[in-house]
Amino acid sequence: MTENESVAYVFSQSVCALIELEGMKAENKDRESRQESLAYTEDNFLELERKFCIGYNDIIKVFKDARG
């Protein structure tokens, strides 16, 4: 993977995480308005970083691999 491809990969993974995050927030807000328990907790939100491999070390590895 080239450095440009690495940038595109990290960006796309970040966008995917953001889309899922916004869906999770919307679901929690909907449940809150109906006075139901929340569907997602802080741990669920933090898990997105692992799921989409967008933590600091993950990103550093992508760019190190791109440089060879």
C-alpha atoms as a PDB file:
ATOM      1  CA  MET A   1       0.000   0.000   0.000  1.00  0.00           C
ATOM      2  CA  THR A   2       1.394   3.398  -0.944  1.00  0.00           C
ATOM      3  CA  GLU A   3       1.377   6.351   1.409  1.00  0.00           C
ATOM      4  CA  ASN A   4      -1.551   7.894  -0.502  1.00  0.00           C
ATOM      5  CA  GLU A   5      -3.479   4.638  -0.258  1.00  0.00           C
ATOM      6  CA  SER A   6      -2.723   4.577   3.469  1.00  0.00           C
ATOM      7  CA  VAL A   7      -4.189   8.050   3.858  1.00  0.00           C
ATOM      8  CA  ALA A   8      -7.299   6.994   1.953  1.00  0.00           C
ATOM      9  CA  TYR A   9      -7.612   3.837   4.071  1.00  0.00           C
ATOM     10  CA  VAL A  10      -7.312   5.684   7.394  1.00  0.00           C
ATOM     11  CA  PHE A  11      -9.733   8.346   6.191  1.00  0.00           C
ATOM     12  CA  SER A  12     -12.312   5.792   5.032  1.00  0.00           C
ATOM     13  CA  GLN A  13     -12.067   3.861   8.289  1.00  0.00           C
ATOM     14  CA  SER A  14     -12.552   7.103  10.219  1.00  0.00           C
ATOM     15  CA  VAL A  15     -15.625   7.966   8.169  1.00  0.00           C
ATOM     16  CA  CYS A  16     -17.081   4.493   8.760  1.00  0.00           C
ATOM     17  CA  ALA A  17     -16.509   4.876  12.500  1.00  0.00           C
ATOM     18  CA  LEU A  18     -18.141   8.313  12.460  1.00  0.00           C
ATOM     19  CA  ILE A  19     -21.193   7.000  10.616  1.00  0.00           C
ATOM     20  CA  GLU A  20     -21.615   4.208  13.146  1.00  0.00           C
ATOM     21  CA  LEU A  21     -21.014   6.615  16.037  1.00  0.00           C
ATOM     22  CA  GLU A  22     -23.743   8.958  14.811  1.00  0.00           C
ATOM     23  CA  GLY A  23     -26.160   6.035  14.458  1.00  0.00           C
ATOM     24  CA  MET A  24     -25.384   4.927  17.992  1.00  0.00           C
ATOM     25  CA  LYS A  25     -25.930   8.459  19.297  1.00  0.00           C
ATOM     26  CA  ALA A  26     -29.250   8.711  17.439  1.00  0.00           C
ATOM     27  CA  GLU A  27     -30.443   5.388  18.849  1.00  0.00           C
ATOM     28  CA  ASN A  28     -29.519   6.459  22.380  1.00  0.00           C
ATOM     29  CA  LYS A  29     -31.284   9.807  21.926  1.00  0.00           C
ATOM     30  CA  ASP A  30     -34.396   8.041  20.599  1.00  0.00           C
ATOM     31  CA  ARG A  31     -34.447   5.646  23.535  1.00  0.00           C
ATOM     32  CA  GLU A  32     -33.853   8.478  25.962  1.00  0.00           C
ATOM     33  CA  SER A  33     -36.863  10.356  24.572  1.00  0.00           C
ATOM     34  CA  ARG A  34     -38.995   7.247  25.219  1.00  0.00           C
ATOM     35  CA  GLN A  35     -37.481   6.941  28.713  1.00  0.00           C
ATOM     36  CA  GLU A  36     -35.950   3.548  27.888  1.00  0.00           C
ATOM     37  CA  SER A  37     -32.506   2.346  28.856  1.00  0.00           C
ATOM     38  CA  LEU A  38     -29.742   3.380  26.485  1.00  0.00           C
ATOM     39  CA  ALA A  39     -28.655   0.913  23.813  1.00  0.00           C
ATOM     40  CA  TYR A  40     -24.986   1.963  23.854  1.00  0.00           C
ATOM     41  CA  THR A  41     -22.636   2.658  26.726  1.00  0.00           C
ATOM     42  CA  GLU A  42     -19.305   4.439  26.853  1.00  0.00           C
ATOM     43  CA  ASP A  43     -17.560   1.104  26.275  1.00  0.00           C
ATOM     44  CA  ASN A  44     -19.499   0.622  23.029  1.00  0.00           C
ATOM     45  CA  PHE A  45     -18.363   4.017  21.797  1.00  0.00           C
ATOM     46  CA  LEU A  46     -14.750   3.347  22.759  1.00  0.00           C
ATOM     47  CA  GLU A  47     -14.904  -0.019  20.978  1.00  0.00           C
ATOM     48  CA  LEU A  48     -15.266   1.780  17.630  1.00  0.00           C
ATOM     49  CA  GLU A  49     -11.572   2.671  17.740  1.00  0.00           C
ATOM     50  CA  ARG A  50     -10.657  -1.009  17.888  1.00  0.00           C
ATOM     51  CA  LYS A  51     -13.305  -2.152  15.430  1.00  0.00           C
ATOM     52  CA  PHE A  52     -12.142   0.247  12.724  1.00  0.00           C
ATOM     53  CA  CYS A  53      -8.419   0.121  13.629  1.00  0.00           C
ATOM     54  CA  ILE A  54      -8.127   3.864  14.042  1.00  0.00           C
ATOM     55  CA  GLY A  55      -6.209   4.037  17.289  1.00  0.00           C
ATOM     56  CA  TYR A  56      -2.865   5.822  17.361  1.00  0.00           C
ATOM     57  CA  ASN A  57      -0.802   2.619  17.156  1.00  0.00           C
ATOM     58  CA  ASP A  58      -2.994   1.241  14.369  1.00  0.00           C
ATOM     59  CA  ILE A  59      -2.479   4.328  12.238  1.00  0.00           C
ATOM     60  CA  ILE A  60       1.269   4.454  12.894  1.00  0.00           C
ATOM     61  CA  LYS A  61       1.500   0.811  11.769  1.00  0.00           C
ATOM     62  CA  VAL A  62      -0.376   1.551   8.528  1.00  0.00           C
ATOM     63  CA  PHE A  63       2.066   4.322   7.631  1.00  0.00           C
ATOM     64  CA  LYS A  64       5.155   2.369   8.681  1.00  0.00           C
ATOM     65  CA  ASP A  65       3.996  -0.523   6.506  1.00  0.00           C
ATOM     66  CA  ALA A  66       3.470   1.869   3.588  1.00  0.00           C
ATOM     67  CA  ARG A  67       7.051   3.110   3.865  1.00  0.00           C
ATOM     68  CA  GLY A  68       8.384  -0.428   3.876  1.00  0.00           C
END
